[in-house]
Amino acid sequence: MINATKLLAQGAGLAPVLVKRAATVTLDWDTRQKSRFDFTDSAGRHVGVFLARGTIVRGGDVLVA
């Protein structure tokens, strides 16, 4: 399992080519409100997310492992 512990809002600071090449995931509203959850990305990898309490994932945000 890959652990993602950092969130970059809208991929701030990343080159557009990196954001375009990154694996994607679609999360429902309830999951995006949680700071701890897991999912399988578009590349088939299992990812566990451990963010600071109160962090909300929004569309276009990038999770960093």
PDB file of N, CA and C in Angstrom:
ATOM      1  N   MET A   1       0.838  -1.174   0.000  1.00  0.00           N
ATOM      2  CA  MET A   1       0.000   0.000   0.000  1.00  0.00           C
ATOM      3  C   MET A   1       0.888   1.243   0.000  1.00  0.00           C
ATOM      4  N   ILE A   2       0.526   2.196  -0.820  1.00  0.00           N
ATOM      5  CA  ILE A   2       1.203   3.490  -0.880  1.00  0.00           C
ATOM      6  C   ILE A   2       0.502   4.418   0.103  1.00  0.00           C
ATOM      7  N   ASN A   3       1.265   5.188   0.893  1.00  0.00           N
ATOM      8  CA  ASN A   3       0.683   6.127   1.844  1.00  0.00           C
ATOM      9  C   ASN A   3       0.809   7.551   1.327  1.00  0.00           C
ATOM     10  N   ALA A   4      -0.317   8.226   1.156  1.00  0.00           N
ATOM     11  CA  ALA A   4      -0.326   9.630   0.740  1.00  0.00           C
ATOM     12  C   ALA A   4      -0.578  10.475   1.984  1.00  0.00           C
ATOM     13  N   THR A   5       0.348  11.405   2.260  1.00  0.00           N
ATOM     14  CA  THR A   5       0.246  12.186   3.487  1.00  0.00           C
ATOM     15  C   THR A   5       0.229  13.691   3.244  1.00  0.00           C
ATOM     16  N   LYS A   6       0.257  14.095   1.982  1.00  0.00           N
ATOM     17  CA  LYS A   6       0.295  15.519   1.668  1.00  0.00           C
ATOM     18  C   LYS A   6      -0.678  15.817   0.542  1.00  0.00           C
ATOM     19  N   LEU A   7      -1.304  16.985   0.598  1.00  0.00           N
ATOM     20  CA  LEU A   7      -2.242  17.403  -0.421  1.00  0.00           C
ATOM     21  C   LEU A   7      -1.789  18.736  -1.016  1.00  0.00           C
ATOM     22  N   LEU A   8      -1.708  18.798  -2.339  1.00  0.00           N
ATOM     23  CA  LEU A   8      -1.387  20.039  -3.041  1.00  0.00           C
ATOM     24  C   LEU A   8      -2.662  20.535  -3.717  1.00  0.00           C
ATOM     25  N   ALA A   9      -3.171  21.661  -3.261  1.00  0.00           N
ATOM     26  CA  ALA A   9      -4.410  22.206  -3.814  1.00  0.00           C
ATOM     27  C   ALA A   9      -4.224  22.520  -5.294  1.00  0.00           C
ATOM     28  N   GLN A  10      -5.033  21.889  -6.134  1.00  0.00           N
ATOM     29  CA  GLN A  10      -5.006  22.099  -7.584  1.00  0.00           C
ATOM     30  C   GLN A  10      -3.631  21.836  -8.186  1.00  0.00           C
ATOM     31  N   GLY A  11      -2.792  21.041  -7.535  1.00  0.00           N
ATOM     32  CA  GLY A  11      -1.463  20.712  -8.047  1.00  0.00           C
ATOM     33  C   GLY A  11      -0.504  21.884  -8.021  1.00  0.00           C
ATOM     34  N   ALA A  12      -0.723  22.813  -7.084  1.00  0.00           N
ATOM     35  CA  ALA A  12       0.110  24.017  -6.983  1.00  0.00           C
ATOM     36  C   ALA A  12       1.586  23.664  -6.887  1.00  0.00           C
ATOM     37  N   GLY A  13       2.401  24.300  -7.742  1.00  0.00           N
ATOM     38  CA  GLY A  13       3.834  24.097  -7.707  1.00  0.00           C
ATOM     39  C   GLY A  13       4.327  22.943  -8.562  1.00  0.00           C
ATOM     40  N   LEU A  14       3.424  22.181  -9.142  1.00  0.00           N
ATOM     41  CA  LEU A  14       3.831  21.059  -9.989  1.00  0.00           C
ATOM     42  C   LEU A  14       3.772  21.458 -11.460  1.00  0.00           C
ATOM     43  N   ALA A  15       4.672  20.909 -12.238  1.00  0.00           N
ATOM     44  CA  ALA A  15       4.659  21.146 -13.678  1.00  0.00           C
ATOM     45  C   ALA A  15       3.390  20.512 -14.269  1.00  0.00           C
ATOM     46  N   PRO A  16       2.736  21.178 -15.192  1.00  0.00           N
ATOM     47  CA  PRO A  16       1.509  20.638 -15.801  1.00  0.00           C
ATOM     48  C   PRO A  16       1.676  19.237 -16.382  1.00  0.00           C
ATOM     49  N   VAL A  17       2.848  18.932 -16.920  1.00  0.00           N
ATOM     50  CA  VAL A  17       3.070  17.605 -17.491  1.00  0.00           C
ATOM     51  C   VAL A  17       3.020  16.529 -16.405  1.00  0.00           C
ATOM     52  N   LEU A  18       3.482  16.828 -15.191  1.00  0.00           N
ATOM     53  CA  LEU A  18       3.409  15.858 -14.089  1.00  0.00           C
ATOM     54  C   LEU A  18       1.974  15.607 -13.667  1.00  0.00           C
ATOM     55  N   VAL A  19       1.188  16.663 -13.599  1.00  0.00           N
ATOM     56  CA  VAL A  19      -0.218  16.522 -13.212  1.00  0.00           C
ATOM     57  C   VAL A  19      -0.963  15.715 -14.266  1.00  0.00           C
ATOM     58  N   LYS A  20      -0.661  15.951 -15.532  1.00  0.00           N
ATOM     59  CA  LYS A  20      -1.331  15.247 -16.623  1.00  0.00           C
ATOM     60  C   LYS A  20      -0.999  13.752 -16.625  1.00  0.00           C
ATOM     61  N   ARG A  21       0.235  13.394 -16.252  1.00  0.00           N
ATOM     62  CA  ARG A  21       0.680  11.997 -16.254  1.00  0.00           C
ATOM     63  C   ARG A  21       0.271  11.225 -15.001  1.00  0.00           C
ATOM     64  N   ALA A  22      -0.151  11.916 -13.960  1.00  0.00           N
ATOM     65  CA  ALA A  22      -0.457  11.273 -12.680  1.00  0.00           C
ATOM     66  C   ALA A  22      -1.686  10.365 -12.783  1.00  0.00           C
ATOM     67  N   ALA A  23      -1.688   9.324 -11.965  1.00  0.00           N
ATOM     68  CA  ALA A  23      -2.858   8.448 -11.873  1.00  0.00           C
ATOM     69  C   ALA A  23      -4.019   9.243 -11.292  1.00  0.00           C
ATOM     70  N   THR A  24      -5.226   8.832 -11.605  1.00  0.00           N
ATOM     71  CA  THR A  24      -6.410   9.552 -11.133  1.00  0.00           C
ATOM     72  C   THR A  24      -7.306   8.651 -10.290  1.00  0.00           C
ATOM     73  N   VAL A  25      -8.227   9.291  -9.606  1.00  0.00           N
ATOM     74  CA  VAL A  25      -9.224   8.583  -8.815  1.00  0.00           C
ATOM     75  C   VAL A  25     -10.467   9.461  -8.723  1.00  0.00           C
ATOM     76  N   THR A  26     -11.618   8.838  -8.666  1.00  0.00           N
ATOM     77  CA  THR A  26     -12.870   9.560  -8.473  1.00  0.00           C
ATOM     78  C   THR A  26     -13.391   9.213  -7.086  1.00  0.00           C
ATOM     79  N   LEU A  27     -13.584  10.242  -6.270  1.00  0.00           N
ATOM     80  CA  LEU A  27     -14.060  10.039  -4.898  1.00  0.00           C
ATOM     81  C   LEU A  27     -15.443  10.667  -4.727  1.00  0.00           C
ATOM     82  N   ASP A  28     -16.288  10.008  -3.949  1.00  0.00           N
ATOM     83  CA  ASP A  28     -17.597  10.601  -3.684  1.00  0.00           C
ATOM     84  C   ASP A  28     -17.476  11.676  -2.602  1.00  0.00           C
ATOM     85  N   TRP A  29     -18.539  12.430  -2.410  1.00  0.00           N
ATOM     86  CA  TRP A  29     -18.529  13.568  -1.496  1.00  0.00           C
ATOM     87  C   TRP A  29     -18.189  13.147  -0.073  1.00  0.00           C
ATOM     88  N   ASP A  30     -18.777  12.057   0.396  1.00  0.00           N
ATOM     89  CA  ASP A  30     -18.532  11.602   1.772  1.00  0.00           C
ATOM     90  C   ASP A  30     -17.062  11.257   1.998  1.00  0.00           C
ATOM     91  N   THR A  31     -16.450  10.595   1.045  1.00  0.00           N
ATOM     92  CA  THR A  31     -15.044  10.209   1.188  1.00  0.00           C
ATOM     93  C   THR A  31     -14.140  11.432   1.203  1.00  0.00           C
ATOM     94  N   ARG A  32     -14.417  12.427   0.358  1.00  0.00           N
ATOM     95  CA  ARG A  32     -13.576  13.622   0.282  1.00  0.00           C
ATOM     96  C   ARG A  32     -13.606  14.437   1.569  1.00  0.00           C
ATOM     97  N   GLN A  33     -14.595  14.230   2.432  1.00  0.00           N
ATOM     98  CA  GLN A  33     -14.698  14.956   3.697  1.00  0.00           C
ATOM     99  C   GLN A  33     -13.844  14.326   4.790  1.00  0.00           C
ATOM    100  N   LYS A  34     -13.369  13.106   4.562  1.00  0.00           N
ATOM    101  CA  LYS A  34     -12.595  12.380   5.568  1.00  0.00           C
ATOM    102  C   LYS A  34     -11.104  12.671   5.422  1.00  0.00           C
ATOM    103  N   SER A  35     -10.375  12.567   6.524  1.00  0.00           N
ATOM    104  CA  SER A  35      -8.928  12.765   6.469  1.00  0.00           C
ATOM    105  C   SER A  35      -8.178  11.428   6.421  1.00  0.00           C
ATOM    106  N   ARG A  36      -8.890  10.335   6.622  1.00  0.00           N
ATOM    107  CA  ARG A  36      -8.290   9.003   6.558  1.00  0.00           C
ATOM    108  C   ARG A  36      -9.202   8.124   5.699  1.00  0.00           C
ATOM    109  N   PHE A  37      -8.682   7.624   4.574  1.00  0.00           N
ATOM    110  CA  PHE A  37      -9.442   6.717   3.720  1.00  0.00           C
ATOM    111  C   PHE A  37      -8.482   5.996   2.786  1.00  0.00           C
ATOM    112  N   ASP A  38      -8.976   5.003   2.075  1.00  0.00           N
ATOM    113  CA  ASP A  38      -8.143   4.304   1.096  1.00  0.00           C
ATOM    114  C   ASP A  38      -8.929   4.117  -0.195  1.00  0.00           C
ATOM    115  N   PHE A  39      -8.186   3.879  -1.282  1.00  0.00           N
ATOM    116  CA  PHE A  39      -8.799   3.704  -2.591  1.00  0.00           C
ATOM    117  C   PHE A  39      -7.808   2.993  -3.510  1.00  0.00           C
ATOM    118  N   THR A  40      -8.281   2.606  -4.679  1.00  0.00           N
ATOM    119  CA  THR A  40      -7.433   2.053  -5.726  1.00  0.00           C
ATOM    120  C   THR A  40      -7.416   3.057  -6.864  1.00  0.00           C
ATOM    121  N   ASP A  41      -6.217   3.481  -7.302  1.00  0.00           N
ATOM    122  CA  ASP A  41      -6.121   4.511  -8.342  1.00  0.00           C
ATOM    123  C   ASP A  41      -6.278   3.911  -9.743  1.00  0.00           C
ATOM    124  N   SER A  42      -6.218   4.768 -10.758  1.00  0.00           N
ATOM    125  CA  SER A  42      -6.422   4.329 -12.141  1.00  0.00           C
ATOM    126  C   SER A  42      -5.319   3.398 -12.638  1.00  0.00           C
ATOM    127  N   ALA A  43      -4.188   3.358 -11.946  1.00  0.00           N
ATOM    128  CA  ALA A  43      -3.098   2.452 -12.306  1.00  0.00           C
ATOM    129  C   ALA A  43      -3.200   1.123 -11.557  1.00  0.00           C
ATOM    130  N   GLY A  44      -4.238   0.954 -10.732  1.00  0.00           N
ATOM    131  CA  GLY A  44      -4.446  -0.288 -10.004  1.00  0.00           C
ATOM    132  C   GLY A  44      -3.708  -0.400  -8.692  1.00  0.00           C
ATOM    133  N   ARG A  45      -3.117   0.698  -8.208  1.00  0.00           N
ATOM    134  CA  ARG A  45      -2.373   0.676  -6.938  1.00  0.00           C
ATOM    135  C   ARG A  45      -3.302   1.006  -5.780  1.00  0.00           C
ATOM    136  N   HIS A  46      -3.096   0.316  -4.659  1.00  0.00           N
ATOM    137  CA  HIS A  46      -3.870   0.569  -3.445  1.00  0.00           C
ATOM    138  C   HIS A  46      -3.201   1.719  -2.688  1.00  0.00           C
ATOM    139  N   VAL A  47      -3.947   2.770  -2.381  1.00  0.00           N
ATOM    140  CA  VAL A  47      -3.404   3.967  -1.737  1.00  0.00           C
ATOM    141  C   VAL A  47      -4.161   4.240  -0.445  1.00  0.00           C
ATOM    142  N   GLY A  48      -3.422   4.460   0.628  1.00  0.00           N
ATOM    143  CA  GLY A  48      -3.998   4.872   1.897  1.00  0.00           C
ATOM    144  C   GLY A  48      -3.717   6.353   2.092  1.00  0.00           C
ATOM    145  N   VAL A  49      -4.728   7.123   2.466  1.00  0.00           N
ATOM    146  CA  VAL A  49      -4.582   8.568   2.634  1.00  0.00           C
ATOM    147  C   VAL A  49      -4.646   8.903   4.118  1.00  0.00           C
ATOM    148  N   PHE A  50      -3.653   9.651   4.587  1.00  0.00           N
ATOM    149  CA  PHE A  50      -3.563  10.066   5.982  1.00  0.00           C
ATOM    150  C   PHE A  50      -3.257  11.558   5.999  1.00  0.00           C
ATOM    151  N   LEU A  51      -4.286  12.392   5.983  1.00  0.00           N
ATOM    152  CA  LEU A  51      -4.134  13.844   5.953  1.00  0.00           C
ATOM    153  C   LEU A  51      -4.397  14.436   7.333  1.00  0.00           C
ATOM    154  N   ALA A  52      -4.011  15.695   7.509  1.00  0.00           N
ATOM    155  CA  ALA A  52      -4.282  16.389   8.766  1.00  0.00           C
ATOM    156  C   ALA A  52      -5.794  16.468   8.977  1.00  0.00           C
ATOM    157  N   ARG A  53      -6.217  16.358  10.203  1.00  0.00           N
ATOM    158  CA  ARG A  53      -7.646  16.438  10.521  1.00  0.00           C
ATOM    159  C   ARG A  53      -8.240  17.729   9.984  1.00  0.00           C
ATOM    160  N   GLY A  54      -9.435  17.628   9.416  1.00  0.00           N
ATOM    161  CA  GLY A  54     -10.114  18.805   8.893  1.00  0.00           C
ATOM    162  C   GLY A  54      -9.794  19.117   7.449  1.00  0.00           C
ATOM    163  N   THR A  55      -8.856  18.376   6.846  1.00  0.00           N
ATOM    164  CA  THR A  55      -8.503  18.601   5.445  1.00  0.00           C
ATOM    165  C   THR A  55      -9.594  18.021   4.547  1.00  0.00           C
ATOM    166  N   ILE A  56     -10.005  18.792   3.556  1.00  0.00           N
ATOM    167  CA  ILE A  56     -11.024  18.343   2.604  1.00  0.00           C
ATOM    168  C   ILE A  56     -10.379  18.265   1.227  1.00  0.00           C
ATOM    169  N   VAL A  57     -10.577  17.152   0.535  1.00  0.00           N
ATOM    170  CA  VAL A  57     -10.045  16.972  -0.813  1.00  0.00           C
ATOM    171  C   VAL A  57     -11.065  17.538  -1.795  1.00  0.00           C
ATOM    172  N   ARG A  58     -10.612  18.418  -2.680  1.00  0.00           N
ATOM    173  CA  ARG A  58     -11.480  19.010  -3.689  1.00  0.00           C
ATOM    174  C   ARG A  58     -11.048  18.551  -5.086  1.00  0.00           C
ATOM    175  N   GLY A  59     -11.900  18.725  -6.061  1.00  0.00           N
ATOM    176  CA  GLY A  59     -11.602  18.332  -7.436  1.00  0.00           C
ATOM    177  C   GLY A  59     -10.344  19.017  -7.938  1.00  0.00           C
ATOM    178  N   GLY A  60      -9.447  18.248  -8.530  1.00  0.00           N
ATOM    179  CA  GLY A  60      -8.209  18.802  -9.064  1.00  0.00           C
ATOM    180  C   GLY A  60      -7.052  18.805  -8.086  1.00  0.00           C
ATOM    181  N   ASP A  61      -7.315  18.478  -6.812  1.00  0.00           N
ATOM    182  CA  ASP A  61      -6.238  18.413  -5.828  1.00  0.00           C
ATOM    183  C   ASP A  61      -5.339  17.212  -6.116  1.00  0.00           C
ATOM    184  N   VAL A  62      -4.085  17.321  -5.729  1.00  0.00           N
ATOM    185  CA  VAL A  62      -3.103  16.257  -5.963  1.00  0.00           C
ATOM    186  C   VAL A  62      -2.660  15.714  -4.604  1.00  0.00           C
ATOM    187  N   LEU A  63      -2.740  14.379  -4.456  1.00  0.00           N
ATOM    188  CA  LEU A  63      -2.251  13.735  -3.249  1.00  0.00           C
ATOM    189  C   LEU A  63      -0.838  13.254  -3.515  1.00  0.00           C
ATOM    190  N   VAL A  64       0.060  13.505  -2.555  1.00  0.00           N
ATOM    191  CA  VAL A  64       1.474  13.175  -2.711  1.00  0.00           C
ATOM    192  C   VAL A  64       1.839  12.072  -1.730  1.00  0.00           C
ATOM    193  N   ALA A  65       2.518  11.044  -2.261  1.00  0.00           N
ATOM    194  CA  ALA A  65       2.946   9.925  -1.416  1.00  0.00           C
ATOM    195  C   ALA A  65       4.410  10.107  -1.044  1.00  0.00           C
TER     196      ALA A  65
END
